[in-house]
């Protein structure tokens, strides 16, 4: 079972979707004032609770390049799409996402049609 932290700009229903797949998943709004968390606060929370961050915020890639890992991050580069399309893209690649993180990849980028691992 993986443990995920869904960043604020993604729908809270994504956390429920992942919980229904058997994973521990919390949206940032689960935490008091979580909707106001900046990237550093998200990173600290993910480290302290051993969570994989799921985000659309490309600043996390800059942070990874500058500071390295941890925490583990899944960056969604899917553009403006509906929630249904978001879930479809995640569903297609989800098993590979889990494999990559189990193999100790620290940063994954999910784009339309591909998963990139660092």
PDB file of N, CA and C in Angstrom:
ATOM      1  N   UNK A   1       0.844  -1.189   0.000  1.00  0.00           N
ATOM      2  CA  UNK A   1       0.000   0.000   0.000  1.00  0.00           C
ATOM      3  C   UNK A   1       0.882   1.242   0.000  1.00  0.00           C
ATOM      4  N   UNK A   2       0.621   2.123  -0.937  1.00  0.00           N
ATOM      5  CA  UNK A   2       1.331   3.393  -1.008  1.00  0.00           C
ATOM      6  C   UNK A   2       0.559   4.447  -0.211  1.00  0.00           C
ATOM      7  N   UNK A   3       1.270   5.501   0.178  1.00  0.00           N
ATOM      8  CA  UNK A   3       0.674   6.594   0.926  1.00  0.00           C
ATOM      9  C   UNK A   3       0.883   7.873   0.137  1.00  0.00           C
ATOM     10  N   UNK A   4      -0.216   8.569  -0.162  1.00  0.00           N
ATOM     11  CA  UNK A   4      -0.161   9.732  -1.031  1.00  0.00           C
ATOM     12  C   UNK A   4      -0.666  10.987  -0.336  1.00  0.00           C
ATOM     13  N   UNK A   5      -0.087  12.119  -0.734  1.00  0.00           N
ATOM     14  CA  UNK A   5      -0.553  13.445  -0.358  1.00  0.00           C
ATOM     15  C   UNK A   5      -0.900  14.166  -1.657  1.00  0.00           C
ATOM     16  N   UNK A   6      -2.169  14.513  -1.818  1.00  0.00           N
ATOM     17  CA  UNK A   6      -2.650  15.186  -3.020  1.00  0.00           C
ATOM     18  C   UNK A   6      -2.546  16.684  -2.800  1.00  0.00           C
ATOM     19  N   UNK A   7      -1.834  17.361  -3.681  1.00  0.00           N
ATOM     20  CA  UNK A   7      -1.629  18.803  -3.573  1.00  0.00           C
ATOM     21  C   UNK A   7      -2.937  19.550  -3.826  1.00  0.00           C
ATOM     22  N   UNK A   8      -3.003  20.770  -3.333  1.00  0.00           N
ATOM     23  CA  UNK A   8      -4.218  21.571  -3.295  1.00  0.00           C
ATOM     24  C   UNK A   8      -4.887  21.760  -4.645  1.00  0.00           C
ATOM     25  N   UNK A   9      -4.111  21.960  -5.711  1.00  0.00           N
ATOM     26  CA  UNK A   9      -4.721  22.287  -6.998  1.00  0.00           C
ATOM     27  C   UNK A   9      -5.374  21.087  -7.689  1.00  0.00           C
ATOM     28  N   UNK A  10      -5.227  19.903  -7.124  1.00  0.00           N
ATOM     29  CA  UNK A  10      -5.889  18.712  -7.654  1.00  0.00           C
ATOM     30  C   UNK A  10      -7.178  18.456  -6.881  1.00  0.00           C
ATOM     31  N   UNK A  11      -8.143  17.772  -7.502  1.00  0.00           N
ATOM     32  CA  UNK A  11      -9.439  17.587  -6.837  1.00  0.00           C
ATOM     33  C   UNK A  11      -9.346  16.674  -5.614  1.00  0.00           C
ATOM     34  N   UNK A  12     -10.029  17.044  -4.531  1.00  0.00           N
ATOM     35  CA  UNK A  12     -10.058  16.182  -3.345  1.00  0.00           C
ATOM     36  C   UNK A  12     -10.581  14.776  -3.648  1.00  0.00           C
ATOM     37  N   UNK A  13     -11.409  14.632  -4.668  1.00  0.00           N
ATOM     38  CA  UNK A  13     -11.926  13.310  -5.026  1.00  0.00           C
ATOM     39  C   UNK A  13     -10.816  12.366  -5.479  1.00  0.00           C
ATOM     40  N   UNK A  14      -9.676  12.905  -5.875  1.00  0.00           N
ATOM     41  CA  UNK A  14      -8.552  12.044  -6.242  1.00  0.00           C
ATOM     42  C   UNK A  14      -8.078  11.247  -5.034  1.00  0.00           C
ATOM     43  N   UNK A  15      -8.107  11.843  -3.863  1.00  0.00           N
ATOM     44  CA  UNK A  15      -7.725  11.115  -2.642  1.00  0.00           C
ATOM     45  C   UNK A  15      -8.684   9.959  -2.395  1.00  0.00           C
ATOM     46  N   UNK A  16      -9.968  10.205  -2.566  1.00  0.00           N
ATOM     47  CA  UNK A  16     -10.952   9.133  -2.379  1.00  0.00           C
ATOM     48  C   UNK A  16     -10.763   8.042  -3.439  1.00  0.00           C
ATOM     49  N   UNK A  17     -10.512   8.449  -4.670  1.00  0.00           N
ATOM     50  CA  UNK A  17     -10.261   7.498  -5.750  1.00  0.00           C
ATOM     51  C   UNK A  17      -9.108   6.555  -5.381  1.00  0.00           C
ATOM     52  N   UNK A  18      -8.021   7.112  -4.862  1.00  0.00           N
ATOM     53  CA  UNK A  18      -6.860   6.302  -4.490  1.00  0.00           C
ATOM     54  C   UNK A  18      -7.149   5.446  -3.250  1.00  0.00           C
ATOM     55  N   UNK A  19      -7.919   5.974  -2.310  1.00  0.00           N
ATOM     56  CA  UNK A  19      -8.316   5.164  -1.146  1.00  0.00           C
ATOM     57  C   UNK A  19      -9.154   3.970  -1.593  1.00  0.00           C
ATOM     58  N   UNK A  20     -10.030   4.192  -2.555  1.00  0.00           N
ATOM     59  CA  UNK A  20     -10.851   3.091  -3.075  1.00  0.00           C
ATOM     60  C   UNK A  20     -10.003   2.026  -3.763  1.00  0.00           C
ATOM     61  N   UNK A  21      -8.806   2.400  -4.203  1.00  0.00           N
ATOM     62  CA  UNK A  21      -7.877   1.442  -4.801  1.00  0.00           C
ATOM     63  C   UNK A  21      -7.016   0.772  -3.727  1.00  0.00           C
ATOM     64  N   UNK A  22      -7.266   1.114  -2.441  1.00  0.00           N
ATOM     65  CA  UNK A  22      -6.579   0.462  -1.339  1.00  0.00           C
ATOM     66  C   UNK A  22      -5.354   1.181  -0.813  1.00  0.00           C
ATOM     67  N   UNK A  23      -5.202   2.444  -1.146  1.00  0.00           N
ATOM     68  CA  UNK A  23      -4.025   3.195  -0.721  1.00  0.00           C
ATOM     69  C   UNK A  23      -4.411   4.288   0.281  1.00  0.00           C
ATOM     70  N   UNK A  24      -3.491   4.590   1.164  1.00  0.00           N
ATOM     71  CA  UNK A  24      -3.669   5.690   2.100  1.00  0.00           C
ATOM     72  C   UNK A  24      -3.480   6.970   1.292  1.00  0.00           C
ATOM     73  N   UNK A  25      -4.457   7.829   1.301  1.00  0.00           N
ATOM     74  CA  UNK A  25      -4.388   9.030   0.488  1.00  0.00           C
ATOM     75  C   UNK A  25      -5.120  10.170   1.174  1.00  0.00           C
ATOM     76  N   UNK A  26      -4.431  11.307   1.277  1.00  0.00           N
ATOM     77  CA  UNK A  26      -5.029  12.487   1.896  1.00  0.00           C
ATOM     78  C   UNK A  26      -4.831  13.677   0.968  1.00  0.00           C
ATOM     79  N   UNK A  27      -5.861  14.469   0.850  1.00  0.00           N
ATOM     80  CA  UNK A  27      -5.752  15.732   0.128  1.00  0.00           C
ATOM     81  C   UNK A  27      -5.205  16.770   1.108  1.00  0.00           C
ATOM     82  N   UNK A  28      -4.502  17.763   0.598  1.00  0.00           N
ATOM     83  CA  UNK A  28      -3.924  18.768   1.498  1.00  0.00           C
ATOM     84  C   UNK A  28      -4.993  19.443   2.355  1.00  0.00           C
ATOM     85  N   UNK A  29      -6.214  19.523   1.850  1.00  0.00           N
ATOM     86  CA  UNK A  29      -7.276  20.156   2.630  1.00  0.00           C
ATOM     87  C   UNK A  29      -7.718  19.312   3.823  1.00  0.00           C
ATOM     88  N   UNK A  30      -7.225  18.079   3.922  1.00  0.00           N
ATOM     89  CA  UNK A  30      -7.465  17.232   5.086  1.00  0.00           C
ATOM     90  C   UNK A  30      -6.831  17.862   6.332  1.00  0.00           C
ATOM     91  N   UNK A  31      -5.746  18.588   6.138  1.00  0.00           N
ATOM     92  CA  UNK A  31      -5.003  19.202   7.239  1.00  0.00           C
ATOM     93  C   UNK A  31      -5.527  20.612   7.503  1.00  0.00           C
ATOM     94  N   UNK A  32      -5.441  21.008   8.735  1.00  0.00           N
ATOM     95  CA  UNK A  32      -5.881  22.356   9.104  1.00  0.00           C
ATOM     96  C   UNK A  32      -5.086  23.380   8.291  1.00  0.00           C
ATOM     97  N   UNK A  33      -5.779  24.253   7.607  1.00  0.00           N
ATOM     98  CA  UNK A  33      -5.206  25.278   6.730  1.00  0.00           C
ATOM     99  C   UNK A  33      -4.362  24.683   5.598  1.00  0.00           C
ATOM    100  N   UNK A  34      -4.605  23.424   5.287  1.00  0.00           N
ATOM    101  CA  UNK A  34      -3.843  22.752   4.234  1.00  0.00           C
ATOM    102  C   UNK A  34      -3.977  23.401   2.880  1.00  0.00           C
ATOM    103  N   UNK A  35      -5.097  24.049   2.625  1.00  0.00           N
ATOM    104  CA  UNK A  35      -5.277  24.735   1.346  1.00  0.00           C
ATOM    105  C   UNK A  35      -4.342  25.935   1.213  1.00  0.00           C
ATOM    106  N   UNK A  36      -3.727  26.339   2.320  1.00  0.00           N
ATOM    107  CA  UNK A  36      -2.794  27.469   2.311  1.00  0.00           C
ATOM    108  C   UNK A  36      -1.328  27.036   2.330  1.00  0.00           C
ATOM    109  N   UNK A  37      -1.078  25.730   2.385  1.00  0.00           N
ATOM    110  CA  UNK A  37       0.302  25.243   2.461  1.00  0.00           C
ATOM    111  C   UNK A  37       1.095  25.675   1.234  1.00  0.00           C
ATOM    112  N   UNK A  38       2.326  26.124   1.486  1.00  0.00           N
ATOM    113  CA  UNK A  38       3.226  26.380   0.363  1.00  0.00           C
ATOM    114  C   UNK A  38       4.013  25.099   0.074  1.00  0.00           C
ATOM    115  N   UNK A  39       4.832  25.132  -0.966  1.00  0.00           N
ATOM    116  CA  UNK A  39       5.550  23.921  -1.368  1.00  0.00           C
ATOM    117  C   UNK A  39       6.432  23.369  -0.261  1.00  0.00           C
ATOM    118  N   UNK A  40       7.116  24.240   0.470  1.00  0.00           N
ATOM    119  CA  UNK A  40       7.990  23.774   1.555  1.00  0.00           C
ATOM    120  C   UNK A  40       7.194  23.051   2.639  1.00  0.00           C
ATOM    121  N   UNK A  41       6.016  23.546   2.959  1.00  0.00           N
ATOM    122  CA  UNK A  41       5.181  22.896   3.959  1.00  0.00           C
ATOM    123  C   UNK A  41       4.696  21.534   3.460  1.00  0.00           C
ATOM    124  N   UNK A  42       4.353  21.457   2.178  1.00  0.00           N
ATOM    125  CA  UNK A  42       3.939  20.179   1.586  1.00  0.00           C
ATOM    126  C   UNK A  42       5.088  19.177   1.669  1.00  0.00           C
ATOM    127  N   UNK A  43       6.297  19.614   1.327  1.00  0.00           N
ATOM    128  CA  UNK A  43       7.474  18.741   1.364  1.00  0.00           C
ATOM    129  C   UNK A  43       7.731  18.257   2.785  1.00  0.00           C
ATOM    130  N   UNK A  44       7.707  19.156   3.754  1.00  0.00           N
ATOM    131  CA  UNK A  44       7.951  18.765   5.148  1.00  0.00           C
ATOM    132  C   UNK A  44       6.918  17.761   5.632  1.00  0.00           C
ATOM    133  N   UNK A  45       5.668  17.981   5.287  1.00  0.00           N
ATOM    134  CA  UNK A  45       4.604  17.061   5.671  1.00  0.00           C
ATOM    135  C   UNK A  45       4.814  15.695   5.022  1.00  0.00           C
ATOM    136  N   UNK A  46       5.155  15.688   3.746  1.00  0.00           N
ATOM    137  CA  UNK A  46       5.376  14.423   3.036  1.00  0.00           C
ATOM    138  C   UNK A  46       6.542  13.652   3.645  1.00  0.00           C
ATOM    139  N   UNK A  47       7.586  14.345   4.010  1.00  0.00           N
ATOM    140  CA  UNK A  47       8.735  13.684   4.633  1.00  0.00           C
ATOM    141  C   UNK A  47       8.353  13.131   6.001  1.00  0.00           C
ATOM    142  N   UNK A  48       7.674  13.956   6.811  1.00  0.00           N
ATOM    143  CA  UNK A  48       7.355  13.526   8.184  1.00  0.00           C
ATOM    144  C   UNK A  48       6.379  12.352   8.212  1.00  0.00           C
ATOM    145  N   UNK A  49       5.488  12.263   7.212  1.00  0.00           N
ATOM    146  CA  UNK A  49       4.496  11.189   7.207  1.00  0.00           C
ATOM    147  C   UNK A  49       4.789  10.129   6.142  1.00  0.00           C
ATOM    148  N   UNK A  50       5.965  10.239   5.508  1.00  0.00           N
ATOM    149  CA  UNK A  50       6.386   9.275   4.477  1.00  0.00           C
ATOM    150  C   UNK A  50       5.333   9.140   3.371  1.00  0.00           C
ATOM    151  N   UNK A  51       4.977  10.281   2.785  1.00  0.00           N
ATOM    152  CA  UNK A  51       3.945  10.339   1.756  1.00  0.00           C
ATOM    153  C   UNK A  51       4.556  10.648   0.397  1.00  0.00           C
ATOM    154  N   UNK A  52       3.934  10.144  -0.647  1.00  0.00           N
ATOM    155  CA  UNK A  52       4.279  10.483  -2.021  1.00  0.00           C
ATOM    156  C   UNK A  52       3.381  11.650  -2.424  1.00  0.00           C
ATOM    157  N   UNK A  53       3.981  12.736  -2.870  1.00  0.00           N
ATOM    158  CA  UNK A  53       3.216  13.908  -3.281  1.00  0.00           C
ATOM    159  C   UNK A  53       2.718  13.697  -4.713  1.00  0.00           C
ATOM    160  N   UNK A  54       1.443  13.978  -4.934  1.00  0.00           N
ATOM    161  CA  UNK A  54       0.894  14.040  -6.284  1.00  0.00           C
ATOM    162  C   UNK A  54       0.503  15.486  -6.525  1.00  0.00           C
ATOM    163  N   UNK A  55       1.049  16.066  -7.593  1.00  0.00           N
ATOM    164  CA  UNK A  55       0.885  17.492  -7.828  1.00  0.00           C
ATOM    165  C   UNK A  55       0.846  17.809  -9.316  1.00  0.00           C
ATOM    166  N   UNK A  56       0.374  19.002  -9.639  1.00  0.00           N
ATOM    167  CA  UNK A  56       0.475  19.566 -10.984  1.00  0.00           C
ATOM    168  C   UNK A  56       1.498  20.694 -11.004  1.00  0.00           C
ATOM    169  N   UNK A  57       2.052  21.007  -9.850  1.00  0.00           N
ATOM    170  CA  UNK A  57       2.939  22.155  -9.663  1.00  0.00           C
ATOM    171  C   UNK A  57       4.356  21.815 -10.115  1.00  0.00           C
ATOM    172  N   UNK A  58       4.798  22.394 -11.217  1.00  0.00           N
ATOM    173  CA  UNK A  58       6.132  22.091 -11.753  1.00  0.00           C
ATOM    174  C   UNK A  58       7.257  22.624 -10.869  1.00  0.00           C
ATOM    175  N   UNK A  59       6.944  23.457  -9.883  1.00  0.00           N
ATOM    176  CA  UNK A  59       7.968  23.911  -8.939  1.00  0.00           C
ATOM    177  C   UNK A  59       8.590  22.734  -8.191  1.00  0.00           C
ATOM    178  N   UNK A  60       7.858  21.651  -8.040  1.00  0.00           N
ATOM    179  CA  UNK A  60       8.402  20.479  -7.357  1.00  0.00           C
ATOM    180  C   UNK A  60       9.543  19.856  -8.163  1.00  0.00           C
ATOM    181  N   UNK A  61       9.492  19.967  -9.491  1.00  0.00           N
ATOM    182  CA  UNK A  61      10.596  19.478 -10.317  1.00  0.00           C
ATOM    183  C   UNK A  61      11.835  20.332 -10.081  1.00  0.00           C
ATOM    184  N   UNK A  62      11.655  21.648 -10.024  1.00  0.00           N
ATOM    185  CA  UNK A  62      12.777  22.544  -9.732  1.00  0.00           C
ATOM    186  C   UNK A  62      13.386  22.214  -8.373  1.00  0.00           C
ATOM    187  N   UNK A  63      12.529  21.978  -7.380  1.00  0.00           N
ATOM    188  CA  UNK A  63      12.991  21.628  -6.041  1.00  0.00           C
ATOM    189  C   UNK A  63      13.797  20.331  -6.075  1.00  0.00           C
ATOM    190  N   UNK A  64      13.303  19.346  -6.828  1.00  0.00           N
ATOM    191  CA  UNK A  64      14.003  18.066  -6.942  1.00  0.00           C
ATOM    192  C   UNK A  64      15.373  18.255  -7.598  1.00  0.00           C
ATOM    193  N   UNK A  65      15.432  19.035  -8.657  1.00  0.00           N
ATOM    194  CA  UNK A  65      16.694  19.259  -9.366  1.00  0.00           C
ATOM    195  C   UNK A  65      17.684  19.990  -8.468  1.00  0.00           C
ATOM    196  N   UNK A  66      17.213  20.976  -7.723  1.00  0.00           N
ATOM    197  CA  UNK A  66      18.099  21.768  -6.872  1.00  0.00           C
ATOM    198  C   UNK A  66      18.495  21.053  -5.579  1.00  0.00           C
ATOM    199  N   UNK A  67      17.550  20.360  -4.959  1.00  0.00           N
ATOM    200  CA  UNK A  67      17.787  19.792  -3.635  1.00  0.00           C
ATOM    201  C   UNK A  67      17.820  18.276  -3.607  1.00  0.00           C
ATOM    202  N   UNK A  68      17.390  17.624  -4.694  1.00  0.00           N
ATOM    203  CA  UNK A  68      17.335  16.170  -4.704  1.00  0.00           C
ATOM    204  C   UNK A  68      16.160  15.658  -3.903  1.00  0.00           C
ATOM    205  N   UNK A  69      16.129  14.363  -3.694  1.00  0.00           N
ATOM    206  CA  UNK A  69      15.031  13.722  -2.962  1.00  0.00           C
ATOM    207  C   UNK A  69      15.440  13.622  -1.496  1.00  0.00           C
ATOM    208  N   UNK A  70      14.589  13.454  -0.545  1.00  0.00           N
ATOM    209  CA  UNK A  70      13.165  13.197  -0.630  1.00  0.00           C
ATOM    210  C   UNK A  70      12.364  14.470  -0.787  1.00  0.00           C
ATOM    211  N   UNK A  71      11.095  14.406  -0.878  1.00  0.00           N
ATOM    212  CA  UNK A  71      10.226  13.235  -0.870  1.00  0.00           C
ATOM    213  C   UNK A  71      10.002  12.715  -2.286  1.00  0.00           C
ATOM    214  N   UNK A  72       9.227  11.672  -2.395  1.00  0.00           N
ATOM    215  CA  UNK A  72       8.845  11.150  -3.699  1.00  0.00           C
ATOM    216  C   UNK A  72       7.691  11.984  -4.245  1.00  0.00           C
ATOM    217  N   UNK A  73       7.738  12.216  -5.563  1.00  0.00           N
ATOM    218  CA  UNK A  73       6.746  13.088  -6.197  1.00  0.00           C
ATOM    219  C   UNK A  73       6.264  12.459  -7.499  1.00  0.00           C
ATOM    220  N   UNK A  74       4.960  12.538  -7.727  1.00  0.00           N
ATOM    221  CA  UNK A  74       4.352  12.230  -9.013  1.00  0.00           C
ATOM    222  C   UNK A  74       3.813  13.547  -9.555  1.00  0.00           C
ATOM    223  N   UNK A  75       4.474  14.057 -10.597  1.00  0.00           N
ATOM    224  CA  UNK A  75       4.073  15.310 -11.232  1.00  0.00           C
ATOM    225  C   UNK A  75       3.164  14.981 -12.408  1.00  0.00           C
ATOM    226  N   UNK A  76       1.978  15.561 -12.406  1.00  0.00           N
ATOM    227  CA  UNK A  76       1.022  15.344 -13.484  1.00  0.00           C
ATOM    228  C   UNK A  76       1.132  16.487 -14.477  1.00  0.00           C
ATOM    229  N   UNK A  77       1.604  16.176 -15.659  1.00  0.00           N
ATOM    230  CA  UNK A  77       1.690  17.157 -16.754  1.00  0.00           C
ATOM    231  C   UNK A  77       0.668  16.743 -17.810  1.00  0.00           C
ATOM    232  N   UNK A  78      -0.575  16.999 -17.513  1.00  0.00           N
ATOM    233  CA  UNK A  78      -1.656  16.541 -18.382  1.00  0.00           C
ATOM    234  C   UNK A  78      -2.470  17.692 -18.951  1.00  0.00           C
ATOM    235  N   UNK A  79      -2.103  18.915 -18.627  1.00  0.00           N
ATOM    236  CA  UNK A  79      -2.855  20.057 -19.114  1.00  0.00           C
ATOM    237  C   UNK A  79      -4.191  20.185 -18.419  1.00  0.00           C
ATOM    238  N   UNK A  80      -5.036  20.997 -18.985  1.00  0.00           N
ATOM    239  CA  UNK A  80      -6.368  21.199 -18.424  1.00  0.00           C
ATOM    240  C   UNK A  80      -7.287  20.113 -18.962  1.00  0.00           C
ATOM    241  N   UNK A  81      -7.612  19.170 -18.093  1.00  0.00           N
ATOM    242  CA  UNK A  81      -8.461  18.048 -18.477  1.00  0.00           C
ATOM    243  C   UNK A  81      -9.539  17.863 -17.420  1.00  0.00           C
ATOM    244  N   UNK A  82     -10.566  17.134 -17.765  1.00  0.00           N
ATOM    245  CA  UNK A  82     -11.641  16.864 -16.814  1.00  0.00           C
ATOM    246  C   UNK A  82     -11.150  15.874 -15.752  1.00  0.00           C
ATOM    247  N   UNK A  83     -11.871  15.813 -14.656  1.00  0.00           N
ATOM    248  CA  UNK A  83     -11.523  14.844 -13.609  1.00  0.00           C
ATOM    249  C   UNK A  83     -11.581  13.424 -14.158  1.00  0.00           C
ATOM    250  N   UNK A  84     -12.570  13.134 -14.982  1.00  0.00           N
ATOM    251  CA  UNK A  84     -12.685  11.793 -15.572  1.00  0.00           C
ATOM    252  C   UNK A  84     -11.440  11.463 -16.398  1.00  0.00           C
ATOM    253  N   UNK A  85     -10.979  12.408 -17.194  1.00  0.00           N
ATOM    254  CA  UNK A  85      -9.764  12.184 -17.986  1.00  0.00           C
ATOM    255  C   UNK A  85      -8.553  12.010 -17.073  1.00  0.00           C
ATOM    256  N   UNK A  86      -8.501  12.785 -15.987  1.00  0.00           N
ATOM    257  CA  UNK A  86      -7.414  12.654 -15.017  1.00  0.00           C
ATOM    258  C   UNK A  86      -7.375  11.244 -14.456  1.00  0.00           C
ATOM    259  N   UNK A  87      -8.521  10.746 -13.998  1.00  0.00           N
ATOM    260  CA  UNK A  87      -8.578   9.398 -13.431  1.00  0.00           C
ATOM    261  C   UNK A  87      -8.204   8.352 -14.479  1.00  0.00           C
ATOM    262  N   UNK A  88      -8.621   8.556 -15.724  1.00  0.00           N
ATOM    263  CA  UNK A  88      -8.276   7.608 -16.788  1.00  0.00           C
ATOM    264  C   UNK A  88      -6.770   7.535 -17.010  1.00  0.00           C
ATOM    265  N   UNK A  89      -6.114   8.687 -17.049  1.00  0.00           N
ATOM    266  CA  UNK A  89      -4.658   8.701 -17.227  1.00  0.00           C
ATOM    267  C   UNK A  89      -3.956   8.024 -16.051  1.00  0.00           C
ATOM    268  N   UNK A  90      -4.407   8.314 -14.853  1.00  0.00           N
ATOM    269  CA  UNK A  90      -3.806   7.690 -13.672  1.00  0.00           C
ATOM    270  C   UNK A  90      -4.040   6.185 -13.702  1.00  0.00           C
ATOM    271  N   UNK A  91      -5.251   5.777 -14.030  1.00  0.00           N
ATOM    272  CA  UNK A  91      -5.581   4.354 -14.069  1.00  0.00           C
ATOM    273  C   UNK A  91      -4.684   3.588 -15.047  1.00  0.00           C
ATOM    274  N   UNK A  92      -4.455   4.156 -16.204  1.00  0.00           N
ATOM    275  CA  UNK A  92      -3.632   3.504 -17.225  1.00  0.00           C
ATOM    276  C   UNK A  92      -2.213   3.253 -16.722  1.00  0.00           C
ATOM    277  N   UNK A  93      -1.671   4.202 -15.980  1.00  0.00           N
ATOM    278  CA  UNK A  93      -0.257   4.140 -15.584  1.00  0.00           C
ATOM    279  C   UNK A  93      -0.037   3.796 -14.111  1.00  0.00           C
ATOM    280  N   UNK A  94      -1.117   3.592 -13.353  1.00  0.00           N
ATOM    281  CA  UNK A  94      -0.983   3.489 -11.906  1.00  0.00           C
ATOM    282  C   UNK A  94      -0.106   2.318 -11.461  1.00  0.00           C
ATOM    283  N   UNK A  95      -0.272   1.164 -12.060  1.00  0.00           N
ATOM    284  CA  UNK A  95       0.557   0.020 -11.656  1.00  0.00           C
ATOM    285  C   UNK A  95       2.029   0.307 -11.898  1.00  0.00           C
ATOM    286  N   UNK A  96       2.341   0.952 -13.012  1.00  0.00           N
ATOM    287  CA  UNK A  96       3.740   1.293 -13.292  1.00  0.00           C
ATOM    288  C   UNK A  96       4.250   2.354 -12.319  1.00  0.00           C
ATOM    289  N   UNK A  97       3.398   3.281 -11.937  1.00  0.00           N
ATOM    290  CA  UNK A  97       3.768   4.282 -10.927  1.00  0.00           C
ATOM    291  C   UNK A  97       4.177   3.574  -9.637  1.00  0.00           C
ATOM    292  N   UNK A  98       3.368   2.620  -9.199  1.00  0.00           N
ATOM    293  CA  UNK A  98       3.676   1.884  -7.970  1.00  0.00           C
ATOM    294  C   UNK A  98       4.979   1.109  -8.100  1.00  0.00           C
ATOM    295  N   UNK A  99       5.198   0.491  -9.251  1.00  0.00           N
ATOM    296  CA  UNK A  99       6.446  -0.252  -9.483  1.00  0.00           C
ATOM    297  C   UNK A  99       7.641   0.689  -9.416  1.00  0.00           C
ATOM    298  N   UNK A 100       7.555   1.812 -10.079  1.00  0.00           N
ATOM    299  CA  UNK A 100       8.676   2.767 -10.101  1.00  0.00           C
ATOM    300  C   UNK A 100       9.016   3.262  -8.699  1.00  0.00           C
ATOM    301  N   UNK A 101       7.999   3.596  -7.912  1.00  0.00           N
ATOM    302  CA  UNK A 101       8.278   4.040  -6.549  1.00  0.00           C
ATOM    303  C   UNK A 101       8.830   2.891  -5.706  1.00  0.00           C
ATOM    304  N   UNK A 102       8.355   1.674  -5.925  1.00  0.00           N
ATOM    305  CA  UNK A 102       8.895   0.510  -5.201  1.00  0.00           C
ATOM    306  C   UNK A 102      10.352   0.263  -5.569  1.00  0.00           C
ATOM    307  N   UNK A 103      10.730   0.609  -6.802  1.00  0.00           N
ATOM    308  CA  UNK A 103      12.124   0.481  -7.244  1.00  0.00           C
ATOM    309  C   UNK A 103      12.962   1.685  -6.826  1.00  0.00           C
ATOM    310  N   UNK A 104      12.372   2.535  -5.998  1.00  0.00           N
ATOM    311  CA  UNK A 104      13.023   3.689  -5.393  1.00  0.00           C
ATOM    312  C   UNK A 104      13.243   4.856  -6.332  1.00  0.00           C
ATOM    313  N   UNK A 105      12.430   4.955  -7.384  1.00  0.00           N
ATOM    314  CA  UNK A 105      12.398   6.200  -8.145  1.00  0.00           C
ATOM    315  C   UNK A 105      11.860   7.268  -7.202  1.00  0.00           C
ATOM    316  N   UNK A 106      12.354   8.466  -7.329  1.00  0.00           N
ATOM    317  CA  UNK A 106      11.934   9.528  -6.419  1.00  0.00           C
ATOM    318  C   UNK A 106      11.066  10.582  -7.094  1.00  0.00           C
ATOM    319  N   UNK A 107      11.128  10.628  -8.427  1.00  0.00           N
ATOM    320  CA  UNK A 107      10.367  11.652  -9.137  1.00  0.00           C
ATOM    321  C   UNK A 107       9.840  11.066 -10.430  1.00  0.00           C
ATOM    322  N   UNK A 108       8.522  11.071 -10.573  1.00  0.00           N
ATOM    323  CA  UNK A 108       7.878  10.579 -11.783  1.00  0.00           C
ATOM    324  C   UNK A 108       7.078  11.708 -12.410  1.00  0.00           C
ATOM    325  N   UNK A 109       7.074  11.732 -13.729  1.00  0.00           N
ATOM    326  CA  UNK A 109       6.253  12.687 -14.461  1.00  0.00           C
ATOM    327  C   UNK A 109       5.291  11.894 -15.327  1.00  0.00           C
ATOM    328  N   UNK A 110       4.009  12.139 -15.129  1.00  0.00           N
ATOM    329  CA  UNK A 110       2.988  11.501 -15.954  1.00  0.00           C
ATOM    330  C   UNK A 110       2.504  12.522 -16.966  1.00  0.00           C
ATOM    331  N   UNK A 111       2.777  12.208 -18.228  1.00  0.00           N
ATOM    332  CA  UNK A 111       2.285  13.024 -19.338  1.00  0.00           C
ATOM    333  C   UNK A 111       1.295  12.184 -20.117  1.00  0.00           C
ATOM    334  N   UNK A 112       0.601  12.791 -21.034  1.00  0.00           N
ATOM    335  CA  UNK A 112      -0.337  12.025 -21.872  1.00  0.00           C
ATOM    336  C   UNK A 112       0.439  10.969 -22.634  1.00  0.00           C
ATOM    337  N   UNK A 113       0.151   9.714 -22.324  1.00  0.00           N
ATOM    338  CA  UNK A 113       0.745   8.621 -23.046  1.00  0.00           C
ATOM    339  C   UNK A 113       2.089   8.123 -22.546  1.00  0.00           C
ATOM    340  N   UNK A 114       2.664   8.753 -21.497  1.00  0.00           N
ATOM    341  CA  UNK A 114       3.950   8.258 -21.023  1.00  0.00           C
ATOM    342  C   UNK A 114       4.207   8.605 -19.561  1.00  0.00           C
ATOM    343  N   UNK A 115       5.049   7.766 -18.971  1.00  0.00           N
ATOM    344  CA  UNK A 115       5.494   7.964 -17.592  1.00  0.00           C
ATOM    345  C   UNK A 115       7.008   8.069 -17.626  1.00  0.00           C
ATOM    346  N   UNK A 116       7.539   9.147 -17.094  1.00  0.00           N
ATOM    347  CA  UNK A 116       8.984   9.393 -17.068  1.00  0.00           C
ATOM    348  C   UNK A 116       9.466   9.257 -15.639  1.00  0.00           C
ATOM    349  N   UNK A 117      10.536   8.500 -15.440  1.00  0.00           N
ATOM    350  CA  UNK A 117      11.049   8.223 -14.095  1.00  0.00           C
ATOM    351  C   UNK A 117      12.431   8.820 -13.912  1.00  0.00           C
ATOM    352  N   UNK A 118      12.640   9.429 -12.732  1.00  0.00           N
ATOM    353  CA  UNK A 118      13.974   9.936 -12.343  1.00  0.00           C
ATOM    354  C   UNK A 118      14.410   9.261 -11.068  1.00  0.00           C
TER     355      UNK A 118
END
